[in-house]
Each structure stands twice: as C-alpha cells, then as structure tokens.
Amino acid sequence: MAEEDERDDRAAVRAAVDGELRLLDPGVRARPEAVRELLDPEFVEVGASGRRWDAESILTVTSSGAVSEDRPVEVSRMSGVVLAPGVVHLTYLSDHQGRRAWRSSLWRLTEGRWRLYYHQGTPTD
C-alpha cells in the first residue's frame, strides 16, 4: 500500500507543478477562462507587493499582459509535498525581469481538478 500512496503523492505534486507552470505561461495568462479553470473558487493571494488578491482581481491583472511572451517568469528550486489528501504545498523561486521572490502555493483538489487555493510571494535578493 505504501508504494501506491507514494505514486498518488507524486501524481498530486506533478499535477500541482503542472498547474503552477501553466499559470506562469503568458499564453495561459492572456486567457481569463484558462486562468479561471486553474483557480479555486476561494482563491486568495498575498503578492510580493503585500497586496491581497482574489480570483477576480487577479484575472484583471493576468489578462492585462503584465507578463510578456518575450520576458516570461523564470522558475527555479521548485519542490512540492502532499500535506493531506487533496492538498499540495509548492515552493519555488521566481525571477521576473530582475524581481525575485520566494513563492508558496497551496493547491487543492476540488470538483475533480487541481486548483490553486492560496499563493504568497515574498521578495528576496
């Protein structure tokens, strides 16, 4: 049974990583319906600026083209862990045009899909 649990955990982390990377993709960010599919209905973000965002406010920003195709967000040191069944915690370092931040995301399985429930960015050098 332990092997099956490990496989399930790896699949859950992979699904969360895939979702996170999709949310950083400029092509996905430009399509509000694609972003909405990846956000939990109760989504909340505390951005690196300190501002609090909900799903509707983040959709306005992502569809504005703030992340351009020629300057995508660079991601490194991404790792994930299953906190409980249906909940994955990801951490990683992002760099967007020299603005670096440690990122933390909680993904949860809702309505059969992995969706971003909570995200926080903390500026770093």
Protein backbone atom coordinates (compact mmCIF):
# COMPACT_ATOMS: atom_id res chain seq x y z
CA MET A 1 0.00 0.00 0.00
CA ALA A 2 2.91 2.38 0.68
CA GLU A 3 4.04 2.23 -2.96
CA GLU A 4 0.55 3.17 -4.15
CA ASP A 5 0.44 6.09 -1.69
CA GLU A 6 3.84 7.30 -2.92
CA ARG A 7 2.64 7.06 -6.53
CA ASP A 8 -0.50 9.01 -5.65
CA ASP A 9 1.57 11.67 -3.85
CA ARG A 10 3.94 12.01 -6.82
CA ALA A 11 0.97 12.36 -9.18
CA ALA A 12 -0.61 15.02 -6.93
CA VAL A 13 2.62 17.04 -6.73
CA ARG A 14 3.10 16.71 -10.51
CA ALA A 15 -0.45 17.99 -11.10
CA ALA A 16 0.18 20.99 -8.84
CA VAL A 17 3.53 21.76 -10.51
CA ASP A 18 1.92 21.50 -13.94
CA GLY A 19 -0.86 23.86 -12.86
CA GLU A 20 1.59 26.36 -11.37
CA LEU A 21 3.69 26.40 -14.54
CA ARG A 22 0.58 26.85 -16.66
CA LEU A 23 -0.41 29.87 -14.55
CA LEU A 24 3.00 31.39 -15.28
CA ASP A 25 2.69 30.78 -19.03
CA PRO A 26 1.97 34.09 -20.83
CA GLY A 27 -0.33 32.31 -23.29
CA VAL A 28 -2.46 30.93 -20.47
CA ARG A 29 -2.39 34.20 -18.51
CA ALA A 30 -3.76 36.06 -21.52
CA ARG A 31 -6.91 33.91 -21.47
CA PRO A 32 -9.10 34.64 -18.42
CA GLU A 33 -11.11 31.44 -18.89
CA ALA A 34 -7.90 29.37 -18.80
CA VAL A 35 -6.75 31.11 -15.61
CA ARG A 36 -10.18 30.76 -14.01
CA GLU A 37 -10.06 26.97 -14.57
CA LEU A 38 -6.84 26.82 -12.53
CA LEU A 39 -8.04 28.97 -9.62
CA ASP A 40 -10.02 27.59 -6.72
CA PRO A 41 -13.33 29.40 -6.15
CA GLU A 42 -11.92 30.56 -2.79
CA PHE A 43 -8.53 31.63 -4.22
CA VAL A 44 -6.52 34.22 -2.27
CA GLU A 45 -3.05 35.61 -2.97
CA VAL A 46 -0.77 37.80 -0.92
CA GLY A 47 1.57 39.13 -3.57
CA ALA A 48 5.22 40.10 -3.24
CA SER A 49 3.95 43.70 -3.11
CA GLY A 50 1.98 42.88 0.03
CA ARG A 51 -1.31 43.35 -1.78
CA ARG A 52 -4.13 40.85 -1.23
CA TRP A 53 -5.82 39.48 -4.34
CA ASP A 54 -8.88 37.36 -5.02
CA ALA A 55 -9.78 35.47 -8.18
CA GLU A 56 -11.50 38.40 -9.92
CA SER A 57 -8.73 40.91 -9.21
CA ILE A 58 -6.00 38.51 -10.30
CA LEU A 59 -7.89 37.79 -13.54
CA THR A 60 -7.80 41.51 -14.35
CA VAL A 61 -4.03 41.61 -13.91
CA THR A 62 -3.19 38.37 -15.69
CA SER A 63 -5.25 39.28 -18.75
CA SER A 64 -3.59 42.72 -18.96
CA GLY A 65 -0.40 41.27 -20.40
CA ALA A 66 1.77 42.04 -17.33
CA VAL A 67 3.93 39.01 -18.20
CA SER A 68 5.05 39.28 -21.79
CA GLU A 69 5.98 36.36 -24.02
CA ASP A 70 9.48 37.74 -24.57
CA ARG A 71 10.13 38.08 -20.81
CA PRO A 72 8.47 35.14 -19.07
CA VAL A 73 8.80 34.42 -15.37
CA GLU A 74 11.83 32.25 -14.65
CA VAL A 75 11.29 29.50 -12.08
CA SER A 76 13.88 27.57 -10.08
CA ARG A 77 14.10 25.37 -6.98
CA MET A 78 10.50 24.19 -7.28
CA SER A 79 9.52 21.45 -4.88
CA GLY A 80 6.28 20.08 -3.56
CA VAL A 81 4.85 17.98 -0.79
CA VAL A 82 1.45 16.47 -0.10
CA LEU A 83 0.17 17.95 3.18
CA ALA A 84 -3.02 15.90 3.29
CA PRO A 85 -5.15 14.01 0.78
CA GLY A 86 -6.12 16.56 -1.88
CA VAL A 87 -3.72 19.30 -0.65
CA VAL A 88 -0.27 20.03 -2.12
CA HIS A 89 2.19 22.71 -1.00
CA LEU A 90 4.66 24.04 -3.59
CA THR A 91 7.61 26.36 -3.02
CA TYR A 92 9.90 27.93 -5.60
CA LEU A 93 11.96 30.96 -6.54
CA SER A 94 10.65 33.25 -9.29
CA ASP A 95 12.51 35.88 -11.25
CA HIS A 96 10.63 38.30 -13.48
CA GLN A 97 12.80 40.98 -15.04
CA GLY A 98 15.12 41.01 -12.02
CA ARG A 99 12.33 40.99 -9.41
CA ARG A 100 12.94 37.85 -7.40
CA ALA A 101 10.55 36.31 -4.90
CA TRP A 102 10.15 33.13 -2.93
CA ARG A 103 6.76 31.67 -3.80
CA SER A 104 4.49 29.39 -1.81
CA SER A 105 1.33 27.87 -3.26
CA LEU A 106 -1.35 25.61 -1.85
CA TRP A 107 -3.20 23.53 -4.41
CA ARG A 108 -6.32 21.56 -3.57
CA LEU A 109 -8.35 19.01 -5.41
CA THR A 110 -11.85 20.39 -5.94
CA GLU A 111 -14.52 19.11 -8.27
CA GLY A 112 -12.03 16.55 -9.61
CA ARG A 113 -9.44 19.18 -10.62
CA TRP A 114 -6.31 20.56 -9.01
CA ARG A 115 -6.76 24.28 -8.41
CA LEU A 116 -4.69 27.00 -6.79
CA TYR A 117 -6.22 27.81 -3.41
CA TYR A 118 -3.60 30.13 -1.88
CA HIS A 119 -0.45 31.82 -3.14
CA GLN A 120 2.10 34.07 -1.46
CA GLY A 121 5.19 35.83 -2.75
CA THR A 122 7.98 37.18 -0.57
CA PRO A 123 10.59 39.46 -2.20
CA THR A 124 14.22 38.36 -1.98
CA ASP A 125 17.62 39.48 -3.27
